[in-house]
Each structure stands twice: as C-alpha cells, then as structure tokens.
Amino acid sequence: MSKSMWILAAIFAVMAIALIYQSEVGGGVDRPWAECKESLVQQIFSGDCTPRTGLGGPRLEDGATSN
C-alpha cells in the first residue's frame, strides 16, 4: 500500500476506536438537537422543536407513563 493509503487506514482506525469508546463509556457529548422530533436541518431553518419526551401516554398515579 502507498503512504496515503496507510494514512487513510490510520484515520479510519482512530475514528473506529473513538466511536467504540464513546458508545462504551456512555454519556459522551450532549446533543440537545436529538431531543427534538424534527431533523437538525429543519431545526436550523425553522427554529421549531417538538420534544420527543413527555408525549408518551396517560399519566399514572406514581408519575410513570404507560406505554
């Protein structure tokens, strides 16, 4: 393989390790746009955000929702 192919392979390897680490550790980066039903592009242009949470179902006495 040429030198540029080795560099590209190294970049892909680092990205794969970073993704695996992020999924294993949890938490990670705060993504507030993921809380909305609209896509990120739609949020940028319209400014709308319909929350994903809080619309589950009828409330029970103990505060849990039934789904």
C-alpha atoms as a PDB file:
ATOM      1  CA  MET A   1       0.000   0.000   0.000  1.00  0.00           C
ATOM      2  CA  SER A   2       1.124   3.521  -0.667  1.00  0.00           C
ATOM      3  CA  LYS A   3       1.824   6.078   2.035  1.00  0.00           C
ATOM      4  CA  SER A   4      -1.507   7.860   1.526  1.00  0.00           C
ATOM      5  CA  MET A   5      -3.402   4.587   1.925  1.00  0.00           C
ATOM      6  CA  TRP A   6      -1.650   3.936   5.258  1.00  0.00           C
ATOM      7  CA  ILE A   7      -2.603   7.422   6.454  1.00  0.00           C
ATOM      8  CA  LEU A   8      -6.216   6.866   5.402  1.00  0.00           C
ATOM      9  CA  ALA A   9      -6.291   3.480   7.129  1.00  0.00           C
ATOM     10  CA  ALA A  10      -4.887   5.034  10.317  1.00  0.00           C
ATOM     11  CA  ILE A  11      -7.542   7.774  10.270  1.00  0.00           C
ATOM     12  CA  PHE A  12     -10.313   5.180   9.874  1.00  0.00           C
ATOM     13  CA  ALA A  13      -8.845   3.087  12.694  1.00  0.00           C
ATOM     14  CA  VAL A  14      -8.704   6.064  15.054  1.00  0.00           C
ATOM     15  CA  MET A  15     -12.289   7.008  14.190  1.00  0.00           C
ATOM     16  CA  ALA A  16     -13.500   3.447  14.774  1.00  0.00           C
ATOM     17  CA  ILE A  17     -11.760   3.254  18.149  1.00  0.00           C
ATOM     18  CA  ALA A  18     -13.204   6.642  19.136  1.00  0.00           C
ATOM     19  CA  LEU A  19     -16.744   5.561  18.208  1.00  0.00           C
ATOM     20  CA  ILE A  20     -16.420   2.310  20.142  1.00  0.00           C
ATOM     21  CA  TYR A  21     -15.037   4.150  23.169  1.00  0.00           C
ATOM     22  CA  GLN A  22     -17.840   6.710  23.071  1.00  0.00           C
ATOM     23  CA  SER A  23     -20.525   4.021  22.889  1.00  0.00           C
ATOM     24  CA  GLU A  24     -18.971   2.022  25.738  1.00  0.00           C
ATOM     25  CA  VAL A  25     -18.380   4.945  28.095  1.00  0.00           C
ATOM     26  CA  GLY A  26     -21.846   6.414  27.662  1.00  0.00           C
ATOM     27  CA  GLY A  27     -22.774   9.968  28.394  1.00  0.00           C
ATOM     28  CA  GLY A  28     -20.402  11.453  25.896  1.00  0.00           C
ATOM     29  CA  VAL A  29     -21.319  14.601  24.060  1.00  0.00           C
ATOM     30  CA  ASP A  30     -24.521  16.440  24.929  1.00  0.00           C
ATOM     31  CA  ARG A  31     -26.733  16.536  21.826  1.00  0.00           C
ATOM     32  CA  PRO A  32     -29.664  18.848  22.582  1.00  0.00           C
ATOM     33  CA  TRP A  33     -30.899  18.685  18.968  1.00  0.00           C
ATOM     34  CA  ALA A  34     -31.596  14.968  19.445  1.00  0.00           C
ATOM     35  CA  GLU A  35     -34.359  15.873  21.914  1.00  0.00           C
ATOM     36  CA  CYS A  36     -36.495  17.193  19.032  1.00  0.00           C
ATOM     37  CA  LYS A  37     -38.629  15.239  16.582  1.00  0.00           C
ATOM     38  CA  GLU A  38     -37.534  17.439  13.687  1.00  0.00           C
ATOM     39  CA  SER A  39     -34.264  16.847  11.887  1.00  0.00           C
ATOM     40  CA  LEU A  40     -31.293  19.099  12.633  1.00  0.00           C
ATOM     41  CA  VAL A  41     -31.558  20.762   9.215  1.00  0.00           C
ATOM     42  CA  GLN A  42     -35.239  21.507   9.775  1.00  0.00           C
ATOM     43  CA  GLN A  43     -34.459  22.923  13.233  1.00  0.00           C
ATOM     44  CA  ILE A  44     -31.786  25.227  11.777  1.00  0.00           C
ATOM     45  CA  PHE A  45     -34.090  26.717   9.135  1.00  0.00           C
ATOM     46  CA  SER A  46     -37.391  26.820  11.031  1.00  0.00           C
ATOM     47  CA  GLY A  47     -36.332  27.064  14.674  1.00  0.00           C
ATOM     48  CA  ASP A  48     -39.057  24.575  15.642  1.00  0.00           C
ATOM     49  CA  CYS A  49     -38.508  21.859  18.224  1.00  0.00           C
ATOM     50  CA  THR A  50     -41.191  19.363  19.196  1.00  0.00           C
ATOM     51  CA  PRO A  51     -39.877  17.458  22.240  1.00  0.00           C
ATOM     52  CA  ARG A  52     -39.607  13.678  21.958  1.00  0.00           C
ATOM     53  CA  THR A  53     -40.205  13.160  25.686  1.00  0.00           C
ATOM     54  CA  GLY A  54     -43.319  13.927  27.629  1.00  0.00           C
ATOM     55  CA  LEU A  55     -45.729  12.722  24.960  1.00  0.00           C
ATOM     56  CA  GLY A  56     -45.673   9.025  25.924  1.00  0.00           C
ATOM     57  CA  GLY A  57     -49.126   8.216  27.214  1.00  0.00           C
ATOM     58  CA  PRO A  58     -51.574   8.738  30.032  1.00  0.00           C
ATOM     59  CA  ARG A  59     -50.099   9.556  33.421  1.00  0.00           C
ATOM     60  CA  LEU A  60     -50.385   7.041  36.246  1.00  0.00           C
ATOM     61  CA  GLU A  61     -50.674   7.911  39.947  1.00  0.00           C
ATOM     62  CA  ASP A  62     -46.971   7.345  40.686  1.00  0.00           C
ATOM     63  CA  GLY A  63     -45.793   9.637  37.861  1.00  0.00           C
ATOM     64  CA  ALA A  64     -44.817   6.853  35.429  1.00  0.00           C
ATOM     65  CA  THR A  65     -46.264   6.664  31.946  1.00  0.00           C
ATOM     66  CA  SER A  66     -47.882   3.600  30.462  1.00  0.00           C
ATOM     67  CA  ASN A  67     -46.602   2.665  27.021  1.00  0.00           C
END
